[in-house]
């Protein structure tokens, strides 16, 4: 089965639609959403409507820190633009959206693959997996051969080495990576709605269970349209610039 893994949508409808369409063209049969469905962007309700429909049809989804904040969670660690966007998002959500977000688990398992927004060793702490040491902590917390996460808004792939440590293999978009069974893997699939690596193209990954491989993808979309919506909604201009600049 081919499973498309999407994280950090952040209310960016244009990016979400582009990634879903691309994944279907690549043969995706199921979807997994790795948290932060809302926050930052101007289309929280439209994005949630799409995700809810897919979850009703068998997709998996987990909670992210912005989803928790949109329900009234603490925003103290967020910067001012992120906090302003959360306050705005809270006012947009309908009761069905809040109920859906409140039901999201912190982790989920799809065909033996662990889905989590941040680090598997403390999912509710929203720890950033920012290096090999952090990746090792996440991998040590689970027996899953493959763990998939987001949160860092960039694409990374880590694997266990024979010595017991963890190393990084930088993924190249569109290039299949065999998930050899003698190793365990941690894939950070990047951000659909707000990439931060200098490239505005949306990110997601496609897991092919039959071939035992993963492919990281970058999908160009109309990020200028998404940015204009952010401005029109009265959200911080900084959030619109991030979409155009990719960081």
C-alpha atoms as a PDB file:
ATOM      1  CA  UNK A   1       0.000   0.000   0.000  1.00  0.00           C
ATOM      2  CA  UNK A   2       1.176   3.514  -0.803  1.00  0.00           C
ATOM      3  CA  UNK A   3       0.566   5.951   2.046  1.00  0.00           C
ATOM      4  CA  UNK A   4       0.998   9.701   1.599  1.00  0.00           C
ATOM      5  CA  UNK A   5       2.323  11.352   4.758  1.00  0.00           C
ATOM      6  CA  UNK A   6       1.515  15.027   5.204  1.00  0.00           C
ATOM      7  CA  UNK A   7       2.454  17.247   8.135  1.00  0.00           C
ATOM      8  CA  UNK A   8       2.212  20.885   9.163  1.00  0.00           C
ATOM      9  CA  UNK A   9      -0.538  21.873   6.730  1.00  0.00           C
ATOM     10  CA  UNK A  10      -1.070  25.042   8.761  1.00  0.00           C
ATOM     11  CA  UNK A  11      -4.360  26.098   7.155  1.00  0.00           C
ATOM     12  CA  UNK A  12      -2.774  26.414   3.700  1.00  0.00           C
ATOM     13  CA  UNK A  13      -5.500  25.188   1.362  1.00  0.00           C
ATOM     14  CA  UNK A  14      -3.574  25.739  -1.874  1.00  0.00           C
ATOM     15  CA  UNK A  15      -0.616  23.686  -0.644  1.00  0.00           C
ATOM     16  CA  UNK A  16      -2.843  20.925   0.738  1.00  0.00           C
ATOM     17  CA  UNK A  17      -4.821  20.577  -2.477  1.00  0.00           C
ATOM     18  CA  UNK A  18      -1.610  20.481  -4.527  1.00  0.00           C
ATOM     19  CA  UNK A  19      -0.075  17.758  -2.330  1.00  0.00           C
ATOM     20  CA  UNK A  20      -3.226  15.628  -2.310  1.00  0.00           C
ATOM     21  CA  UNK A  21      -3.484  15.839  -6.089  1.00  0.00           C
ATOM     22  CA  UNK A  22       0.213  15.011  -6.515  1.00  0.00           C
ATOM     23  CA  UNK A  23      -0.006  12.060  -4.115  1.00  0.00           C
ATOM     24  CA  UNK A  24      -2.991  10.621  -5.964  1.00  0.00           C
ATOM     25  CA  UNK A  25      -1.091  10.847  -9.236  1.00  0.00           C
ATOM     26  CA  UNK A  26       1.723   8.916  -7.542  1.00  0.00           C
ATOM     27  CA  UNK A  27      -0.721   6.159  -6.626  1.00  0.00           C
ATOM     28  CA  UNK A  28      -1.407   7.007  -2.977  1.00  0.00           C
ATOM     29  CA  UNK A  29      -4.074   4.698  -1.569  1.00  0.00           C
ATOM     30  CA  UNK A  30      -4.226   6.117   1.948  1.00  0.00           C
ATOM     31  CA  UNK A  31      -3.248   9.289   3.772  1.00  0.00           C
ATOM     32  CA  UNK A  32      -1.633  10.013   7.125  1.00  0.00           C
ATOM     33  CA  UNK A  33      -1.698  13.485   8.680  1.00  0.00           C
ATOM     34  CA  UNK A  34       1.059  14.203  11.184  1.00  0.00           C
ATOM     35  CA  UNK A  35      -0.376  17.185  13.026  1.00  0.00           C
ATOM     36  CA  UNK A  36      -0.485  20.978  12.891  1.00  0.00           C
ATOM     37  CA  UNK A  37      -3.448  20.975  10.574  1.00  0.00           C
ATOM     38  CA  UNK A  38      -4.182  24.586  11.554  1.00  0.00           C
ATOM     39  CA  UNK A  39      -2.317  27.739  12.555  1.00  0.00           C
ATOM     40  CA  UNK A  40      -0.511  30.399  10.491  1.00  0.00           C
ATOM     41  CA  UNK A  41      -2.667  30.206   7.339  1.00  0.00           C
ATOM     42  CA  UNK A  42      -5.998  31.646   6.250  1.00  0.00           C
ATOM     43  CA  UNK A  43      -8.061  28.510   5.523  1.00  0.00           C
ATOM     44  CA  UNK A  44      -8.349  26.454   8.722  1.00  0.00           C
ATOM     45  CA  UNK A  45     -11.936  25.358   8.145  1.00  0.00           C
ATOM     46  CA  UNK A  46     -11.505  24.390   4.495  1.00  0.00           C
ATOM     47  CA  UNK A  47      -8.368  22.401   5.317  1.00  0.00           C
ATOM     48  CA  UNK A  48     -10.049  20.645   8.217  1.00  0.00           C
ATOM     49  CA  UNK A  49     -13.054  19.802   6.048  1.00  0.00           C
ATOM     50  CA  UNK A  50     -10.739  18.030   3.584  1.00  0.00           C
ATOM     51  CA  UNK A  51      -8.877  16.167   6.322  1.00  0.00           C
ATOM     52  CA  UNK A  52     -12.064  15.168   8.143  1.00  0.00           C
ATOM     53  CA  UNK A  53     -13.474  13.727   4.928  1.00  0.00           C
ATOM     54  CA  UNK A  54     -10.322  11.686   4.353  1.00  0.00           C
ATOM     55  CA  UNK A  55     -10.238  10.463   7.954  1.00  0.00           C
ATOM     56  CA  UNK A  56     -13.864   9.372   7.589  1.00  0.00           C
ATOM     57  CA  UNK A  57     -12.670   7.307   4.610  1.00  0.00           C
ATOM     58  CA  UNK A  58      -9.787   5.653   6.458  1.00  0.00           C
ATOM     59  CA  UNK A  59      -6.974   8.186   6.749  1.00  0.00           C
ATOM     60  CA  UNK A  60      -5.025   8.477  10.005  1.00  0.00           C
ATOM     61  CA  UNK A  61      -4.347  11.767  11.810  1.00  0.00           C
ATOM     62  CA  UNK A  62      -2.525  12.858  14.954  1.00  0.00           C
ATOM     63  CA  UNK A  63      -2.484  16.089  16.935  1.00  0.00           C
ATOM     64  CA  UNK A  64       0.135  18.829  16.654  1.00  0.00           C
ATOM     65  CA  UNK A  65       0.958  21.676  19.018  1.00  0.00           C
ATOM     66  CA  UNK A  66      -0.923  24.253  16.915  1.00  0.00           C
ATOM     67  CA  UNK A  67      -3.981  22.005  16.924  1.00  0.00           C
ATOM     68  CA  UNK A  68      -3.776  21.825  20.712  1.00  0.00           C
ATOM     69  CA  UNK A  69      -3.361  25.608  20.913  1.00  0.00           C
ATOM     70  CA  UNK A  70      -6.364  26.175  18.649  1.00  0.00           C
ATOM     71  CA  UNK A  71      -8.467  24.328  21.217  1.00  0.00           C
ATOM     72  CA  UNK A  72      -7.348  26.716  23.944  1.00  0.00           C
ATOM     73  CA  UNK A  73      -3.991  25.257  24.876  1.00  0.00           C
ATOM     74  CA  UNK A  74      -1.151  27.411  26.097  1.00  0.00           C
ATOM     75  CA  UNK A  75       0.582  29.603  23.499  1.00  0.00           C
ATOM     76  CA  UNK A  76       3.306  30.951  25.787  1.00  0.00           C
ATOM     77  CA  UNK A  77       6.156  29.380  23.804  1.00  0.00           C
ATOM     78  CA  UNK A  78       4.900  30.650  20.450  1.00  0.00           C
ATOM     79  CA  UNK A  79       6.212  33.814  18.856  1.00  0.00           C
ATOM     80  CA  UNK A  80       3.823  36.743  18.470  1.00  0.00           C
ATOM     81  CA  UNK A  81       2.758  36.106  14.822  1.00  0.00           C
ATOM     82  CA  UNK A  82       2.064  32.440  15.596  1.00  0.00           C
ATOM     83  CA  UNK A  83       0.080  33.397  18.690  1.00  0.00           C
ATOM     84  CA  UNK A  84      -1.937  35.985  16.784  1.00  0.00           C
ATOM     85  CA  UNK A  85      -2.749  33.379  14.147  1.00  0.00           C
ATOM     86  CA  UNK A  86      -3.935  30.938  16.795  1.00  0.00           C
ATOM     87  CA  UNK A  87      -6.234  33.530  18.376  1.00  0.00           C
ATOM     88  CA  UNK A  88      -7.650  34.262  14.914  1.00  0.00           C
ATOM     89  CA  UNK A  89      -8.028  30.543  14.151  1.00  0.00           C
ATOM     90  CA  UNK A  90      -9.981  29.909  17.335  1.00  0.00           C
ATOM     91  CA  UNK A  91     -12.602  32.398  16.162  1.00  0.00           C
ATOM     92  CA  UNK A  92     -12.973  30.684  12.774  1.00  0.00           C
ATOM     93  CA  UNK A  93     -13.517  27.100  13.874  1.00  0.00           C
ATOM     94  CA  UNK A  94     -16.974  25.590  13.975  1.00  0.00           C
ATOM     95  CA  UNK A  95     -17.930  23.140  16.697  1.00  0.00           C
ATOM     96  CA  UNK A  96     -17.400  20.153  14.362  1.00  0.00           C
ATOM     97  CA  UNK A  97     -13.848  21.305  13.739  1.00  0.00           C
ATOM     98  CA  UNK A  98     -13.118  21.675  17.441  1.00  0.00           C
ATOM     99  CA  UNK A  99     -14.607  18.260  18.159  1.00  0.00           C
ATOM    100  CA  UNK A 100     -12.436  16.675  15.481  1.00  0.00           C
ATOM    101  CA  UNK A 101      -9.250  18.300  16.764  1.00  0.00           C
ATOM    102  CA  UNK A 102     -10.081  17.306  20.336  1.00  0.00           C
ATOM    103  CA  UNK A 103     -10.381  13.643  19.308  1.00  0.00           C
ATOM    104  CA  UNK A 104      -6.967  13.508  17.651  1.00  0.00           C
ATOM    105  CA  UNK A 105      -4.486  11.173  19.385  1.00  0.00           C
ATOM    106  CA  UNK A 106      -0.848  12.046  19.968  1.00  0.00           C
ATOM    107  CA  UNK A 107       0.306   8.945  18.090  1.00  0.00           C
ATOM    108  CA  UNK A 108      -1.152   6.466  15.627  1.00  0.00           C
ATOM    109  CA  UNK A 109       0.030   3.282  13.942  1.00  0.00           C
ATOM    110  CA  UNK A 110      -0.538   2.556  10.250  1.00  0.00           C
ATOM    111  CA  UNK A 111       0.603  -0.869   9.053  1.00  0.00           C
ATOM    112  CA  UNK A 112       3.303  -0.875  11.733  1.00  0.00           C
ATOM    113  CA  UNK A 113       4.518   2.658  11.008  1.00  0.00           C
ATOM    114  CA  UNK A 114       4.329   5.057  13.945  1.00  0.00           C
ATOM    115  CA  UNK A 115       2.894   8.501  13.236  1.00  0.00           C
ATOM    116  CA  UNK A 116       3.670  11.352  15.644  1.00  0.00           C
ATOM    117  CA  UNK A 117       3.917  15.095  15.259  1.00  0.00           C
ATOM    118  CA  UNK A 118       7.125  15.730  17.185  1.00  0.00           C
ATOM    119  CA  UNK A 119       9.385  13.315  19.082  1.00  0.00           C
ATOM    120  CA  UNK A 120       8.135   9.838  19.978  1.00  0.00           C
ATOM    121  CA  UNK A 121       9.868   9.902  23.367  1.00  0.00           C
ATOM    122  CA  UNK A 122       7.529  12.633  24.677  1.00  0.00           C
ATOM    123  CA  UNK A 123       4.800  13.383  22.118  1.00  0.00           C
ATOM    124  CA  UNK A 124       3.009  15.926  24.313  1.00  0.00           C
ATOM    125  CA  UNK A 125       6.190  17.939  24.954  1.00  0.00           C
ATOM    126  CA  UNK A 126       6.425  18.990  21.271  1.00  0.00           C
ATOM    127  CA  UNK A 127      10.196  18.500  21.180  1.00  0.00           C
ATOM    128  CA  UNK A 128      11.937  19.357  17.914  1.00  0.00           C
ATOM    129  CA  UNK A 129      13.971  16.522  16.386  1.00  0.00           C
ATOM    130  CA  UNK A 130      16.733  18.825  15.222  1.00  0.00           C
ATOM    131  CA  UNK A 131      19.802  16.567  15.119  1.00  0.00           C
ATOM    132  CA  UNK A 132      21.010  12.967  15.336  1.00  0.00           C
ATOM    133  CA  UNK A 133      20.959  12.961  19.133  1.00  0.00           C
ATOM    134  CA  UNK A 134      17.317  14.015  19.223  1.00  0.00           C
ATOM    135  CA  UNK A 135      16.517  11.472  16.517  1.00  0.00           C
ATOM    136  CA  UNK A 136      18.086   8.719  18.591  1.00  0.00           C
ATOM    137  CA  UNK A 137      15.930   9.611  21.585  1.00  0.00           C
ATOM    138  CA  UNK A 138      12.830   9.420  19.433  1.00  0.00           C
ATOM    139  CA  UNK A 139      13.811   6.063  17.932  1.00  0.00           C
ATOM    140  CA  UNK A 140      14.697   4.588  21.318  1.00  0.00           C
ATOM    141  CA  UNK A 141      11.166   5.325  22.536  1.00  0.00           C
ATOM    142  CA  UNK A 142       9.484   2.979  20.079  1.00  0.00           C
ATOM    143  CA  UNK A 143       9.938  -0.478  18.594  1.00  0.00           C
ATOM    144  CA  UNK A 144       8.464   0.602  15.238  1.00  0.00           C
ATOM    145  CA  UNK A 145      10.804   0.010  12.312  1.00  0.00           C
ATOM    146  CA  UNK A 146       9.673   3.304  10.779  1.00  0.00           C
ATOM    147  CA  UNK A 147       8.565   6.423  12.636  1.00  0.00           C
ATOM    148  CA  UNK A 148       7.198   9.398  10.689  1.00  0.00           C
ATOM    149  CA  UNK A 149       6.964  12.909  12.106  1.00  0.00           C
ATOM    150  CA  UNK A 150       6.893  16.580  11.190  1.00  0.00           C
ATOM    151  CA  UNK A 151       7.176  19.682  13.394  1.00  0.00           C
ATOM    152  CA  UNK A 152      10.581  20.869  12.097  1.00  0.00           C
ATOM    153  CA  UNK A 153       9.192  22.091   8.718  1.00  0.00           C
ATOM    154  CA  UNK A 154      12.037  20.482   6.754  1.00  0.00           C
ATOM    155  CA  UNK A 155      12.677  17.037   5.317  1.00  0.00           C
ATOM    156  CA  UNK A 156      15.151  14.728   7.056  1.00  0.00           C
ATOM    157  CA  UNK A 157      15.738  10.988   7.254  1.00  0.00           C
ATOM    158  CA  UNK A 158      17.562   9.281  10.110  1.00  0.00           C
ATOM    159  CA  UNK A 159      18.526   5.625  10.521  1.00  0.00           C
ATOM    160  CA  UNK A 160      20.171   3.387  13.092  1.00  0.00           C
ATOM    161  CA  UNK A 161      23.772   2.336  12.460  1.00  0.00           C
ATOM    162  CA  UNK A 162      25.362  -1.044  13.334  1.00  0.00           C
ATOM    163  CA  UNK A 163      27.258   0.656  16.179  1.00  0.00           C
ATOM    164  CA  UNK A 164      23.965   1.575  17.838  1.00  0.00           C
ATOM    165  CA  UNK A 165      24.045   5.250  16.969  1.00  0.00           C
ATOM    166  CA  UNK A 166      21.881   7.215  14.582  1.00  0.00           C
ATOM    167  CA  UNK A 167      22.947   8.846  11.343  1.00  0.00           C
ATOM    168  CA  UNK A 168      21.243  11.153   8.882  1.00  0.00           C
ATOM    169  CA  UNK A 169      20.670  10.494   5.199  1.00  0.00           C
ATOM    170  CA  UNK A 170      19.656  13.758   3.450  1.00  0.00           C
ATOM    171  CA  UNK A 171      16.740  12.890   1.161  1.00  0.00           C
ATOM    172  CA  UNK A 172      16.548  14.142  -2.420  1.00  0.00           C
ATOM    173  CA  UNK A 173      13.067  14.970  -3.754  1.00  0.00           C
ATOM    174  CA  UNK A 174      11.672  12.286  -6.011  1.00  0.00           C
ATOM    175  CA  UNK A 175      14.426   9.744  -5.288  1.00  0.00           C
ATOM    176  CA  UNK A 176      13.208   6.465  -3.713  1.00  0.00           C
ATOM    177  CA  UNK A 177      15.052   5.407  -0.569  1.00  0.00           C
ATOM    178  CA  UNK A 178      15.005   1.685   0.317  1.00  0.00           C
ATOM    179  CA  UNK A 179      14.055   1.112   3.949  1.00  0.00           C
ATOM    180  CA  UNK A 180      16.394  -1.790   4.619  1.00  0.00           C
ATOM    181  CA  UNK A 181      15.084  -4.084   7.325  1.00  0.00           C
ATOM    182  CA  UNK A 182      18.300  -4.323   9.335  1.00  0.00           C
ATOM    183  CA  UNK A 183      17.877  -0.644  10.250  1.00  0.00           C
ATOM    184  CA  UNK A 184      15.227   1.422  11.955  1.00  0.00           C
ATOM    185  CA  UNK A 185      14.158   4.707  10.428  1.00  0.00           C
ATOM    186  CA  UNK A 186      12.834   8.127  11.380  1.00  0.00           C
ATOM    187  CA  UNK A 187      11.383  10.205   8.533  1.00  0.00           C
ATOM    188  CA  UNK A 188      10.622  13.893   9.039  1.00  0.00           C
ATOM    189  CA  UNK A 189       8.336  14.581   6.100  1.00  0.00           C
ATOM    190  CA  UNK A 190       8.545  18.383   6.031  1.00  0.00           C
ATOM    191  CA  UNK A 191       5.734  20.922   5.954  1.00  0.00           C
ATOM    192  CA  UNK A 192       2.886  21.056   3.470  1.00  0.00           C
ATOM    193  CA  UNK A 193       1.854  24.559   4.335  1.00  0.00           C
ATOM    194  CA  UNK A 194       4.943  26.426   5.528  1.00  0.00           C
ATOM    195  CA  UNK A 195       8.337  25.030   4.417  1.00  0.00           C
ATOM    196  CA  UNK A 196      11.340  26.655   6.041  1.00  0.00           C
ATOM    197  CA  UNK A 197      14.322  25.544   3.984  1.00  0.00           C
ATOM    198  CA  UNK A 198      14.359  28.409   1.491  1.00  0.00           C
ATOM    199  CA  UNK A 199      12.155  26.577  -0.999  1.00  0.00           C
ATOM    200  CA  UNK A 200       8.458  27.577  -1.039  1.00  0.00           C
ATOM    201  CA  UNK A 201       7.359  24.283  -2.647  1.00  0.00           C
ATOM    202  CA  UNK A 202       5.168  22.151  -0.389  1.00  0.00           C
ATOM    203  CA  UNK A 203       6.569  18.987   1.205  1.00  0.00           C
ATOM    204  CA  UNK A 204       5.220  15.511   1.799  1.00  0.00           C
ATOM    205  CA  UNK A 205       6.467  11.917   1.624  1.00  0.00           C
ATOM    206  CA  UNK A 206       5.082   8.769   0.018  1.00  0.00           C
ATOM    207  CA  UNK A 207       5.633   5.440   1.752  1.00  0.00           C
ATOM    208  CA  UNK A 208       5.445   2.368  -0.483  1.00  0.00           C
ATOM    209  CA  UNK A 209       4.915  -0.653   1.729  1.00  0.00           C
ATOM    210  CA  UNK A 210       5.133  -3.202  -1.084  1.00  0.00           C
ATOM    211  CA  UNK A 211       8.477  -1.878  -2.331  1.00  0.00           C
ATOM    212  CA  UNK A 212       9.638  -1.076   1.226  1.00  0.00           C
ATOM    213  CA  UNK A 213      10.767   2.416   0.262  1.00  0.00           C
ATOM    214  CA  UNK A 214       9.972   6.060   0.913  1.00  0.00           C
ATOM    215  CA  UNK A 215      10.071   8.991  -1.489  1.00  0.00           C
ATOM    216  CA  UNK A 216      10.220  12.614  -0.331  1.00  0.00           C
ATOM    217  CA  UNK A 217       8.414  15.035  -2.629  1.00  0.00           C
ATOM    218  CA  UNK A 218       8.362  18.794  -3.239  1.00  0.00           C
ATOM    219  CA  UNK A 219       5.240  20.173  -4.893  1.00  0.00           C
ATOM    220  CA  UNK A 220       5.101  23.680  -6.380  1.00  0.00           C
ATOM    221  CA  UNK A 221       1.807  25.469  -5.769  1.00  0.00           C
ATOM    222  CA  UNK A 222       0.386  28.978  -5.948  1.00  0.00           C
ATOM    223  CA  UNK A 223       2.044  30.240  -2.764  1.00  0.00           C
ATOM    224  CA  UNK A 224       1.384  33.830  -3.801  1.00  0.00           C
ATOM    225  CA  UNK A 225      -2.379  33.160  -3.684  1.00  0.00           C
ATOM    226  CA  UNK A 226      -2.016  31.624  -0.224  1.00  0.00           C
ATOM    227  CA  UNK A 227       0.037  34.630   0.908  1.00  0.00           C
ATOM    228  CA  UNK A 228      -2.559  37.082  -0.403  1.00  0.00           C
ATOM    229  CA  UNK A 229      -5.224  35.261   1.633  1.00  0.00           C
ATOM    230  CA  UNK A 230      -3.123  35.656   4.770  1.00  0.00           C
ATOM    231  CA  UNK A 231      -2.938  39.412   4.228  1.00  0.00           C
ATOM    232  CA  UNK A 232      -6.641  39.675   3.366  1.00  0.00           C
ATOM    233  CA  UNK A 233      -7.559  37.840   6.571  1.00  0.00           C
ATOM    234  CA  UNK A 234      -5.676  40.411   8.647  1.00  0.00           C
ATOM    235  CA  UNK A 235      -3.075  37.894   9.798  1.00  0.00           C
ATOM    236  CA  UNK A 236       0.526  39.037  10.413  1.00  0.00           C
ATOM    237  CA  UNK A 237       2.361  39.995   7.212  1.00  0.00           C
ATOM    238  CA  UNK A 238       5.358  37.960   8.357  1.00  0.00           C
ATOM    239  CA  UNK A 239       3.301  34.788   7.808  1.00  0.00           C
ATOM    240  CA  UNK A 240       2.605  35.752   4.202  1.00  0.00           C
ATOM    241  CA  UNK A 241       6.285  36.506   3.556  1.00  0.00           C
ATOM    242  CA  UNK A 242       7.240  33.078   4.852  1.00  0.00           C
ATOM    243  CA  UNK A 243       5.078  31.422   2.207  1.00  0.00           C
ATOM    244  CA  UNK A 244       6.697  33.424  -0.573  1.00  0.00           C
ATOM    245  CA  UNK A 245      10.257  33.001   0.720  1.00  0.00           C
ATOM    246  CA  UNK A 246      10.088  29.460   2.055  1.00  0.00           C
ATOM    247  CA  UNK A 247      11.659  30.252   5.416  1.00  0.00           C
END
